[in-house]
Structures are given as structure tokens and as C-alpha cells.
Amino acid sequence: MEINLTPDVQTKLTRLAAERGRDAEALAREAIERFVDYDVWFVNELEKGLAQIAQGQTLTHEAVGWRLEKSLAEKTTPRVEQGFI
């Protein structure tokens, strides 16, 4: 497979590869692999979510809000209350 890059992207890729002491082709291959792996993961997660919706496994707006508030409260609780100080 051959991929044609714009001169700007080629320049950036060459610079990044040099900064990392790597070959530009290897860096491009790694970037493509990461993108493909992420895309496969994302589509898989999307399909799982759609299946949950089809099975009626959804949350109300209020339930989502409650979960977010609870999560944020846990993260902003002073460390003293969490037993860290």
C-alpha cells in the first residue's frame, strides 16, 4: 500500500520521527495502527450501547445527573474526609 501525504504532513512526520529517533515510515505505521485499533474499539462500544438501548437498558436524564453529581462530589471531597491527610 502506498499513501500520499501533503508536504506539510510529510514535514511534520519527518520532524517527529527524527525527534524520537525513529523512521518516518515506522511512525506512520504506528499512527495508522493506533487509529484503526481506536476505530474498531469505538464502533464496538457504539454497538454495545445500541444493543443496551434496544434491550431497554437506559437511564433517565435525572439518573444521569445524579450519577454525575455523585461522581463529582467524590472527586472534590477534601482529602481529609477521604482519610488521606
Protein backbone atom coordinates (compact mmCIF):
# COMPACT_ATOMS: atom_id res chain seq x y z
CA MET A 1 0.00 0.00 0.00
CA GLU A 2 1.21 3.47 -0.76
CA ILE A 3 -0.06 6.60 0.96
CA ASN A 4 0.49 10.08 -0.40
CA LEU A 5 0.85 12.79 2.24
CA THR A 6 0.69 16.53 1.81
CA PRO A 7 4.08 18.21 2.00
CA ASP A 8 3.06 19.78 5.34
CA VAL A 9 2.16 16.43 6.91
CA GLN A 10 5.28 14.81 5.47
CA THR A 11 7.43 17.56 7.01
CA LYS A 12 5.75 17.16 10.40
CA LEU A 13 6.07 13.37 10.26
CA THR A 14 9.74 13.56 9.35
CA ARG A 15 10.40 16.04 12.18
CA LEU A 16 8.53 13.91 14.75
CA ALA A 17 10.32 10.77 13.65
CA ALA A 18 13.70 12.49 13.94
CA GLU A 19 12.85 13.83 17.41
CA ARG A 20 12.01 10.31 18.52
CA GLY A 21 14.96 8.71 16.78
CA ARG A 22 12.64 6.66 14.62
CA ASP A 23 11.98 6.02 10.99
CA ALA A 24 9.16 8.13 9.49
CA GLU A 25 7.58 5.03 7.92
CA ALA A 26 7.54 3.20 11.26
CA LEU A 27 5.98 6.21 12.96
CA ALA A 28 3.31 6.46 10.26
CA ARG A 29 2.59 2.74 10.56
CA GLU A 30 2.19 3.09 14.34
CA ALA A 31 -0.15 6.07 13.92
CA ILE A 32 -2.31 4.15 11.45
CA GLU A 33 -2.39 1.10 13.73
CA ARG A 34 -3.49 3.27 16.66
CA PHE A 35 -6.20 4.90 14.58
CA VAL A 36 -7.51 1.57 13.29
CA ASP A 37 -7.44 0.00 16.76
CA TYR A 38 -9.29 3.00 18.21
CA ASP A 39 -11.87 2.96 15.43
CA VAL A 40 -12.53 -0.77 15.96
CA TRP A 41 -12.89 -0.17 19.73
CA PHE A 42 -15.19 2.82 19.19
CA VAL A 43 -17.52 1.01 16.80
CA ASN A 44 -17.62 -1.96 19.18
CA GLU A 45 -18.57 0.31 22.11
CA LEU A 46 -21.19 2.03 19.97
CA GLU A 47 -22.72 -1.32 19.03
CA LYS A 48 -22.81 -2.34 22.71
CA GLY A 49 -24.59 0.90 23.56
CA LEU A 50 -27.12 0.44 20.80
CA ALA A 51 -27.79 -3.11 22.00
CA GLN A 52 -28.38 -1.79 25.52
CA ILE A 53 -30.85 0.74 24.16
CA ALA A 54 -32.64 -1.98 22.19
CA GLN A 55 -32.93 -4.00 25.42
CA GLY A 56 -34.32 -1.00 27.28
CA GLN A 57 -31.22 -0.58 29.43
CA THR A 58 -31.23 3.20 29.56
CA LEU A 59 -31.04 5.87 32.23
CA THR A 60 -33.32 8.85 32.67
CA HIS A 61 -31.93 12.34 32.42
CA GLU A 62 -32.31 12.67 36.18
CA ALA A 63 -30.43 9.42 36.86
CA VAL A 64 -27.53 10.55 34.69
CA GLY A 65 -27.46 13.89 36.52
CA TRP A 66 -27.46 12.15 39.90
CA ARG A 67 -24.58 9.87 38.89
CA LEU A 68 -22.55 12.81 37.61
CA GLU A 69 -23.16 14.84 40.75
CA LYS A 70 -22.19 11.88 42.93
CA SER A 71 -19.02 11.25 40.93
CA LEU A 72 -18.02 14.91 41.03
CA ALA A 73 -18.72 15.13 44.76
CA GLU A 74 -16.49 12.12 45.39
CA LYS A 75 -13.68 13.66 43.37
CA THR A 76 -13.92 17.05 45.06
CA THR A 77 -14.28 15.77 48.62
CA PRO A 78 -11.33 17.10 50.62
CA ARG A 79 -8.60 14.53 51.14
CA VAL A 80 -9.07 14.83 54.92
CA GLU A 81 -12.58 13.37 54.64
CA GLN A 82 -11.24 10.59 52.43
CA GLY A 83 -8.68 9.68 55.11
CA PHE A 84 -5.59 10.76 53.19
CA ILE A 85 -4.37 13.53 55.47
